[in-house]
Protein backbone atom coordinates (compact mmCIF):
# COMPACT_ATOMS: atom_id res chain seq x y z
CA MET A 1 -173.92 -28.42 1.04
CA GLU A 2 -170.99 -28.03 -1.07
CA ARG A 3 -170.95 -25.01 -3.49
CA ARG A 4 -170.01 -25.93 -7.04
CA PHE A 5 -168.71 -23.09 -9.48
CA GLU A 6 -168.88 -23.50 -13.06
CA ARG A 7 -166.72 -22.17 -15.74
CA PHE A 8 -168.54 -19.22 -17.92
CA THR A 9 -167.85 -16.53 -20.65
CA VAL A 10 -167.51 -12.89 -20.88
CA ALA A 11 -170.57 -12.84 -22.82
CA GLU A 12 -172.44 -14.32 -19.90
CA ILE A 13 -171.30 -11.40 -17.73
CA HIS A 14 -172.43 -8.90 -20.25
CA PHE A 15 -175.82 -10.55 -19.93
CA ALA A 16 -175.74 -10.35 -16.27
CA GLN A 17 -174.77 -6.83 -16.26
CA GLU A 18 -177.84 -5.98 -18.64
CA ALA A 19 -180.13 -7.89 -16.44
CA TRP A 20 -178.93 -5.78 -13.42
CA ALA A 21 -179.47 -2.54 -15.24
CA ASN A 22 -182.89 -3.51 -16.48
CA ALA A 23 -183.73 -4.53 -12.94
CA VAL A 24 -182.63 -1.20 -11.67
CA VAL A 25 -184.78 0.62 -14.20
CA SER A 26 -187.80 -1.53 -13.74
CA GLN A 27 -187.47 -1.06 -10.08
CA ASP A 28 -187.89 -4.91 -9.67
CA VAL A 29 -186.02 -5.63 -6.18
CA GLU A 30 -186.69 -9.36 -6.42
CA GLU A 31 -184.99 -9.70 -9.67
CA LEU A 32 -182.18 -7.46 -8.56
CA LEU A 33 -181.55 -9.67 -5.35
CA SER A 34 -181.74 -12.81 -7.57
CA LEU A 35 -178.70 -11.72 -9.32
CA TYR A 36 -176.51 -11.78 -6.21
CA ASP A 37 -175.23 -14.71 -4.19
CA PHE A 38 -175.59 -14.14 -0.63
CA GLY A 39 -173.14 -16.97 -0.29
CA SER A 40 -172.44 -18.78 3.19
CA PRO A 41 -170.74 -17.39 6.41
CA GLU A 42 -167.59 -18.77 4.79
CA MET A 43 -168.17 -17.06 1.48
CA PRO A 44 -170.53 -14.37 2.19
CA LEU A 45 -171.34 -11.50 -0.52
CA LEU A 46 -169.43 -8.29 -0.03
CA PHE A 47 -171.53 -5.54 -0.93
CA LYS A 48 -170.61 -1.78 -0.46
CA PRO A 49 -173.20 0.22 -2.30
CA THR A 50 -172.78 3.87 -3.65
CA LEU A 51 -174.95 5.73 -1.42
CA ALA A 52 -174.18 4.04 1.85
CA ASN A 53 -171.49 3.80 4.42
CA GLU A 54 -171.82 0.24 5.46
CA VAL A 55 -170.70 -3.23 3.66
CA ARG A 56 -173.49 -5.38 3.67
CA SER A 57 -173.08 -9.21 3.52
CA ASP A 58 -176.87 -10.39 3.74
CA GLU A 59 -180.07 -10.02 1.53
CA ALA A 60 -181.71 -7.85 4.25
CA GLY A 61 -178.98 -5.33 3.91
CA ALA A 62 -178.93 -5.56 0.06
CA ARG A 63 -182.89 -4.99 0.05
CA SER A 64 -182.66 -2.17 2.53
CA TYR A 65 -180.12 -0.35 0.33
CA PHE A 66 -182.51 -0.86 -2.84
CA VAL A 67 -185.59 -0.14 -1.28
CA GLY A 68 -185.14 1.29 2.31
CA GLY A 69 -187.41 0.73 5.28
CA ASN A 70 -184.76 -1.40 7.57
CA PRO A 71 -184.23 0.19 10.76
CA ARG A 72 -180.65 -1.39 10.92
CA TYR A 73 -179.86 1.14 7.96
CA PRO A 74 -181.83 4.25 8.81
CA GLY A 75 -179.91 6.04 6.03
CA ASP A 76 -181.23 3.92 3.25
CA THR A 77 -183.84 5.80 1.34
CA GLY A 78 -184.26 3.25 -1.42
CA PHE A 79 -181.90 3.29 -4.51
CA LEU A 80 -184.58 1.88 -6.88
CA ASN A 81 -186.85 4.94 -5.84
CA LYS A 82 -184.79 7.28 -7.76
CA GLY A 83 -186.50 6.47 -11.08
CA TRP A 84 -183.45 5.89 -13.08
CA ARG A 85 -184.14 5.84 -16.89
CA SER A 86 -181.12 3.84 -17.93
CA VAL A 87 -177.94 2.25 -16.64
CA THR A 88 -174.85 1.90 -18.81
CA PHE A 89 -171.80 -0.03 -17.83
CA HIS A 90 -168.25 1.06 -19.23
CA SER A 91 -165.60 -1.46 -18.44
CA ALA A 92 -162.18 -0.34 -17.94
CA ARG A 93 -160.56 -3.32 -19.07
CA GLY A 94 -162.51 -6.49 -18.22
CA PRO A 95 -164.01 -8.50 -17.23
CA ILE A 96 -160.81 -10.27 -16.24
CA LEU A 97 -160.81 -13.98 -15.63
CA ARG A 98 -159.34 -14.67 -12.10
CA PRO A 99 -156.96 -17.62 -11.65
CA GLY A 100 -158.53 -20.99 -11.77
CA GLY A 101 -160.93 -19.85 -14.34
CA LEU A 102 -164.18 -19.81 -12.27
CA ALA A 103 -164.61 -16.14 -11.55
CA TYR A 104 -164.43 -12.86 -13.42
CA THR A 105 -163.66 -9.43 -11.90
CA ASP A 106 -164.86 -6.33 -13.75
CA MET A 107 -164.17 -2.50 -12.74
CA GLY A 108 -165.07 0.57 -14.38
CA LEU A 109 -167.73 3.33 -14.50
CA TYR A 110 -171.29 3.17 -14.98
CA VAL A 111 -173.77 5.90 -15.77
CA PHE A 112 -177.22 6.08 -14.31
CA GLU A 113 -179.53 8.51 -16.03
CA PRO A 114 -182.30 10.20 -13.80
CA PRO A 115 -185.55 11.31 -14.85
CA THR A 116 -184.30 14.94 -15.34
CA GLY A 117 -180.84 16.35 -15.58
CA PRO A 118 -177.28 15.00 -16.35
CA GLY A 119 -176.32 11.39 -15.77
CA VAL A 120 -174.72 10.26 -12.60
CA GLU A 121 -171.35 8.65 -13.06
CA VAL A 122 -170.36 6.08 -10.52
CA ASP A 123 -167.12 3.79 -10.10
CA TYR A 124 -167.85 0.00 -9.85
CA THR A 125 -166.17 -3.22 -8.98
CA PHE A 126 -167.90 -6.43 -9.57
CA SER A 127 -167.02 -10.00 -9.13
CA TYR A 128 -168.99 -12.79 -10.51
CA HIS A 129 -169.00 -16.41 -10.41
CA LYS A 130 -171.55 -19.00 -11.94
CA ARG A 131 -173.41 -21.38 -9.88
CA ASP A 132 -176.28 -23.55 -10.71
CA GLY A 133 -176.16 -22.32 -14.15
CA ARG A 134 -176.55 -18.76 -13.13
CA VAL A 135 -173.86 -16.03 -13.22
CA LEU A 136 -174.25 -14.17 -9.82
CA ILE A 137 -172.67 -11.18 -8.31
CA SER A 138 -170.39 -12.24 -5.25
CA LEU A 139 -168.66 -8.64 -4.77
CA HIS A 140 -170.22 -5.17 -5.46
CA HIS A 141 -168.49 -2.06 -4.57
CA SER A 142 -169.33 1.33 -6.04
CA SER A 143 -168.77 5.06 -5.21
CA LEU A 144 -169.27 8.41 -6.61
CA VAL A 145 -166.43 9.59 -9.08
CA TYR A 146 -163.94 11.69 -7.26
CA GLU A 147 -163.89 15.18 -8.68
CA ALA A 148 -160.65 16.98 -8.25
CA PRO A 149 -161.03 20.57 -6.79
CA SER A 150 -160.95 23.30 -9.50
CA ASN A 151 -158.37 26.01 -9.65
CA ASP A 152 -160.67 28.38 -7.96
CA GLU A 153 -161.41 26.07 -5.10
CA LYS A 154 -157.87 25.40 -4.55
CA ALA A 155 -157.16 29.05 -4.54
CA SER A 156 -159.97 29.80 -1.97
CA GLY A 157 -158.87 26.69 0.29
CA THR A 158 -162.16 24.80 0.01
């Protein structure tokens, strides 16, 4: 089956980001997974989540990250189980339209608000395309924000 991509707008990406954040907060793994395009062997999803070392390219790997329980990924404890109260996207400069006009890439910082304590800042990169009337994530990479060592840590060598 041929995969046909459609043109779409920045506003549609903002809507998709809001849907992603709402699915995280509501702990709705099915809704969250429906926002990803798991692709085909020639064009798989590329998913490197924040609290994992492995890149995943299928629904089972993504599901495991979000809810845990897959023996292929024993380190997954379920990102959705952390009880996030909100997620806010802060784009660095995008989303940026890719050549050909059928995809956007966005990079920035999103902040996850836990049940207690300060927000957790995470760097992200997402790529999106639209297929069958739906904006979908085709690439997702996120990592904890790098914190440079303090002067005290530099002096002590830690």
